[in-house]
Amino acid sequence: MDLSILASSSDRYEAYEAAVRREYAWVDDATWRQRRAEFLRQFLARPVIFHTAAFRSAHETAARANMARSLKRLEAG
């Protein structure tokens, strides 16, 4: 359940990402982009994000799309 935000609508996911950034406002932008991108790459490299078949079936594709979009933005600077 904790990871369900990853599969939310793109608007809700972007609001979540903005909230996480605010939580780490003390981190400079370059470091934030680097470390957040590393985190997202690690998650995307997992064979599965959701460990139950039901969550995988319902949420895996959307979660990967949201994280990939976020990663692309971070890498673009």
N, C-alpha and C. Protein backbone atom coordinates (compact mmCIF):
# COMPACT_ATOMS: atom_id res chain seq x y z
N MET A 1 0.81 -1.20 0.00
CA MET A 1 0.00 0.00 0.00
C MET A 1 0.86 1.27 0.00
N ASP A 2 1.97 1.25 0.67
CA ASP A 2 2.81 2.44 0.74
C ASP A 2 3.27 2.90 -0.64
N LEU A 3 3.39 1.98 -1.56
CA LEU A 3 3.88 2.32 -2.89
C LEU A 3 2.76 2.68 -3.87
N SER A 4 1.53 2.62 -3.42
CA SER A 4 0.41 2.85 -4.34
C SER A 4 0.44 4.25 -4.95
N ILE A 5 1.02 5.23 -4.27
CA ILE A 5 1.12 6.59 -4.82
C ILE A 5 1.88 6.58 -6.13
N LEU A 6 2.79 5.64 -6.30
CA LEU A 6 3.59 5.58 -7.52
C LEU A 6 2.73 5.34 -8.76
N ALA A 7 1.57 4.72 -8.56
CA ALA A 7 0.69 4.39 -9.69
C ALA A 7 -0.50 5.32 -9.81
N SER A 8 -0.49 6.41 -9.08
CA SER A 8 -1.62 7.34 -9.12
C SER A 8 -1.66 8.10 -10.46
N SER A 9 -2.67 8.91 -10.62
CA SER A 9 -2.77 9.72 -11.84
C SER A 9 -1.51 10.58 -11.96
N SER A 10 -1.20 11.00 -13.17
CA SER A 10 0.02 11.79 -13.36
C SER A 10 -0.02 13.08 -12.54
N ASP A 11 -1.17 13.73 -12.44
CA ASP A 11 -1.27 14.96 -11.64
C ASP A 11 -0.99 14.68 -10.17
N ARG A 12 -1.58 13.61 -9.65
CA ARG A 12 -1.37 13.28 -8.23
C ARG A 12 0.09 12.87 -7.99
N TYR A 13 0.65 12.11 -8.92
CA TYR A 13 2.04 11.70 -8.77
C TYR A 13 2.96 12.92 -8.79
N GLU A 14 2.72 13.86 -9.67
CA GLU A 14 3.55 15.07 -9.72
C GLU A 14 3.42 15.88 -8.45
N ALA A 15 2.22 15.92 -7.86
CA ALA A 15 2.04 16.60 -6.58
C ALA A 15 2.83 15.88 -5.48
N TYR A 16 2.83 14.57 -5.52
CA TYR A 16 3.62 13.77 -4.58
C TYR A 16 5.11 14.08 -4.74
N GLU A 17 5.59 14.11 -5.98
CA GLU A 17 7.00 14.41 -6.24
C GLU A 17 7.35 15.81 -5.72
N ALA A 18 6.47 16.77 -5.93
CA ALA A 18 6.71 18.13 -5.45
C ALA A 18 6.76 18.16 -3.92
N ALA A 19 5.90 17.38 -3.28
CA ALA A 19 5.90 17.31 -1.82
C ALA A 19 7.19 16.68 -1.29
N VAL A 20 7.67 15.66 -1.97
CA VAL A 20 8.94 15.03 -1.56
C VAL A 20 10.07 16.04 -1.72
N ARG A 21 10.05 16.79 -2.81
CA ARG A 21 11.10 17.81 -3.01
C ARG A 21 11.06 18.85 -1.90
N ARG A 22 9.86 19.29 -1.52
CA ARG A 22 9.74 20.27 -0.42
C ARG A 22 10.28 19.70 0.88
N GLU A 23 10.05 18.42 1.09
CA GLU A 23 10.55 17.76 2.30
C GLU A 23 12.08 17.80 2.36
N TYR A 24 12.69 17.78 1.19
CA TYR A 24 14.15 17.82 1.10
C TYR A 24 14.65 19.15 0.55
N ALA A 25 13.97 20.22 0.91
CA ALA A 25 14.32 21.56 0.41
C ALA A 25 15.73 21.97 0.80
N TRP A 26 16.25 21.39 1.84
CA TRP A 26 17.60 21.73 2.31
C TRP A 26 18.69 21.17 1.39
N VAL A 27 18.32 20.28 0.47
CA VAL A 27 19.28 19.68 -0.47
C VAL A 27 19.35 20.56 -1.72
N ASP A 28 20.56 20.90 -2.15
CA ASP A 28 20.69 21.74 -3.34
C ASP A 28 20.16 20.99 -4.57
N ASP A 29 19.79 21.75 -5.60
CA ASP A 29 19.13 21.17 -6.77
C ASP A 29 19.96 20.12 -7.49
N ALA A 30 21.25 20.37 -7.68
CA ALA A 30 22.09 19.42 -8.40
C ALA A 30 22.16 18.08 -7.65
N THR A 31 22.35 18.15 -6.36
CA THR A 31 22.40 16.92 -5.56
C THR A 31 21.05 16.23 -5.55
N TRP A 32 19.98 17.02 -5.41
CA TRP A 32 18.64 16.45 -5.44
C TRP A 32 18.40 15.68 -6.74
N ARG A 33 18.68 16.31 -7.86
CA ARG A 33 18.45 15.65 -9.16
C ARG A 33 19.25 14.36 -9.27
N GLN A 34 20.51 14.41 -8.86
CA GLN A 34 21.37 13.23 -8.95
C GLN A 34 20.86 12.10 -8.06
N ARG A 35 20.59 12.40 -6.81
CA ARG A 35 20.19 11.36 -5.86
C ARG A 35 18.78 10.84 -6.13
N ARG A 36 17.87 11.72 -6.50
CA ARG A 36 16.51 11.27 -6.80
C ARG A 36 16.52 10.41 -8.07
N ALA A 37 17.31 10.80 -9.04
CA ALA A 37 17.43 10.00 -10.26
C ALA A 37 18.01 8.62 -9.95
N GLU A 38 19.01 8.56 -9.09
CA GLU A 38 19.57 7.27 -8.69
C GLU A 38 18.50 6.40 -8.04
N PHE A 39 17.73 6.99 -7.14
CA PHE A 39 16.66 6.27 -6.46
C PHE A 39 15.65 5.72 -7.47
N LEU A 40 15.23 6.57 -8.40
CA LEU A 40 14.25 6.13 -9.40
C LEU A 40 14.83 5.04 -10.30
N ARG A 41 16.07 5.18 -10.70
CA ARG A 41 16.71 4.15 -11.53
C ARG A 41 16.73 2.81 -10.81
N GLN A 42 17.04 2.83 -9.52
CA GLN A 42 17.06 1.59 -8.73
C GLN A 42 15.68 0.95 -8.69
N PHE A 43 14.66 1.75 -8.48
CA PHE A 43 13.29 1.22 -8.46
C PHE A 43 12.91 0.66 -9.81
N LEU A 44 13.22 1.39 -10.87
CA LEU A 44 12.86 0.94 -12.22
C LEU A 44 13.64 -0.30 -12.64
N ALA A 45 14.80 -0.54 -12.06
CA ALA A 45 15.60 -1.71 -12.38
C ALA A 45 15.07 -2.98 -11.72
N ARG A 46 14.21 -2.83 -10.75
CA ARG A 46 13.64 -4.01 -10.09
C ARG A 46 12.83 -4.81 -11.10
N PRO A 47 12.85 -6.12 -10.97
CA PRO A 47 12.01 -6.92 -11.87
C PRO A 47 10.53 -6.61 -11.68
N VAL A 48 10.14 -6.33 -10.45
CA VAL A 48 8.77 -5.91 -10.14
C VAL A 48 8.81 -4.86 -9.04
N ILE A 49 7.87 -3.97 -9.09
CA ILE A 49 7.73 -2.96 -8.04
C ILE A 49 6.79 -3.48 -6.96
N PHE A 50 5.69 -4.04 -7.41
CA PHE A 50 4.66 -4.55 -6.50
C PHE A 50 4.79 -6.06 -6.40
N HIS A 51 4.81 -6.56 -5.20
CA HIS A 51 5.10 -7.97 -4.98
C HIS A 51 3.88 -8.88 -5.04
N THR A 52 2.70 -8.32 -4.99
CA THR A 52 1.52 -9.18 -5.12
C THR A 52 1.02 -9.11 -6.55
N ALA A 53 0.50 -10.21 -7.03
CA ALA A 53 0.00 -10.27 -8.40
C ALA A 53 -1.10 -9.25 -8.63
N ALA A 54 -1.97 -9.06 -7.67
CA ALA A 54 -3.08 -8.12 -7.83
C ALA A 54 -2.57 -6.69 -8.00
N PHE A 55 -1.63 -6.28 -7.17
CA PHE A 55 -1.09 -4.92 -7.29
C PHE A 55 -0.26 -4.78 -8.55
N ARG A 56 0.50 -5.81 -8.88
CA ARG A 56 1.30 -5.77 -10.10
C ARG A 56 0.39 -5.59 -11.32
N SER A 57 -0.66 -6.37 -11.37
CA SER A 57 -1.59 -6.30 -12.49
C SER A 57 -2.27 -4.94 -12.59
N ALA A 58 -2.64 -4.40 -11.45
CA ALA A 58 -3.39 -3.14 -11.43
C ALA A 58 -2.52 -1.90 -11.52
N HIS A 59 -1.27 -1.96 -11.05
CA HIS A 59 -0.51 -0.73 -10.84
C HIS A 59 0.90 -0.67 -11.45
N GLU A 60 1.47 -1.79 -11.82
CA GLU A 60 2.87 -1.81 -12.26
C GLU A 60 3.14 -0.87 -13.44
N THR A 61 2.31 -0.95 -14.46
CA THR A 61 2.54 -0.15 -15.67
C THR A 61 2.47 1.34 -15.38
N ALA A 62 1.46 1.76 -14.64
CA ALA A 62 1.31 3.19 -14.32
C ALA A 62 2.46 3.67 -13.44
N ALA A 63 2.86 2.87 -12.47
CA ALA A 63 3.97 3.27 -11.59
C ALA A 63 5.25 3.44 -12.38
N ARG A 64 5.53 2.51 -13.26
CA ARG A 64 6.74 2.61 -14.07
C ARG A 64 6.69 3.84 -14.99
N ALA A 65 5.52 4.12 -15.54
CA ALA A 65 5.38 5.29 -16.42
C ALA A 65 5.61 6.58 -15.63
N ASN A 66 5.03 6.68 -14.45
CA ASN A 66 5.21 7.88 -13.62
C ASN A 66 6.67 8.08 -13.25
N MET A 67 7.32 7.02 -12.80
CA MET A 67 8.71 7.14 -12.39
C MET A 67 9.63 7.42 -13.58
N ALA A 68 9.35 6.81 -14.71
CA ALA A 68 10.17 7.07 -15.91
C ALA A 68 10.03 8.52 -16.35
N ARG A 69 8.84 9.05 -16.28
CA ARG A 69 8.61 10.46 -16.65
C ARG A 69 9.37 11.38 -15.69
N SER A 70 9.31 11.07 -14.41
CA SER A 70 10.02 11.86 -13.41
C SER A 70 11.53 11.79 -13.63
N LEU A 71 12.02 10.60 -13.92
CA LEU A 71 13.45 10.41 -14.17
C LEU A 71 13.89 11.22 -15.38
N LYS A 72 13.10 11.19 -16.42
CA LYS A 72 13.42 11.95 -17.63
C LYS A 72 13.53 13.44 -17.32
N ARG A 73 12.60 13.96 -16.53
CA ARG A 73 12.65 15.38 -16.13
C ARG A 73 13.91 15.68 -15.33
N LEU A 74 14.24 14.81 -14.39
CA LEU A 74 15.43 15.03 -13.57
C LEU A 74 16.70 15.02 -14.42
N GLU A 75 16.78 14.11 -15.36
CA GLU A 75 17.96 14.00 -16.20
C GLU A 75 18.08 15.17 -17.17
N ALA A 76 16.95 15.77 -17.52
CA ALA A 76 16.96 16.92 -18.43
C ALA A 76 17.45 18.17 -17.71
N GLY A 77 17.38 18.14 -16.39
CA GLY A 77 17.88 19.26 -15.61
C GLY A 77 16.85 20.28 -15.41
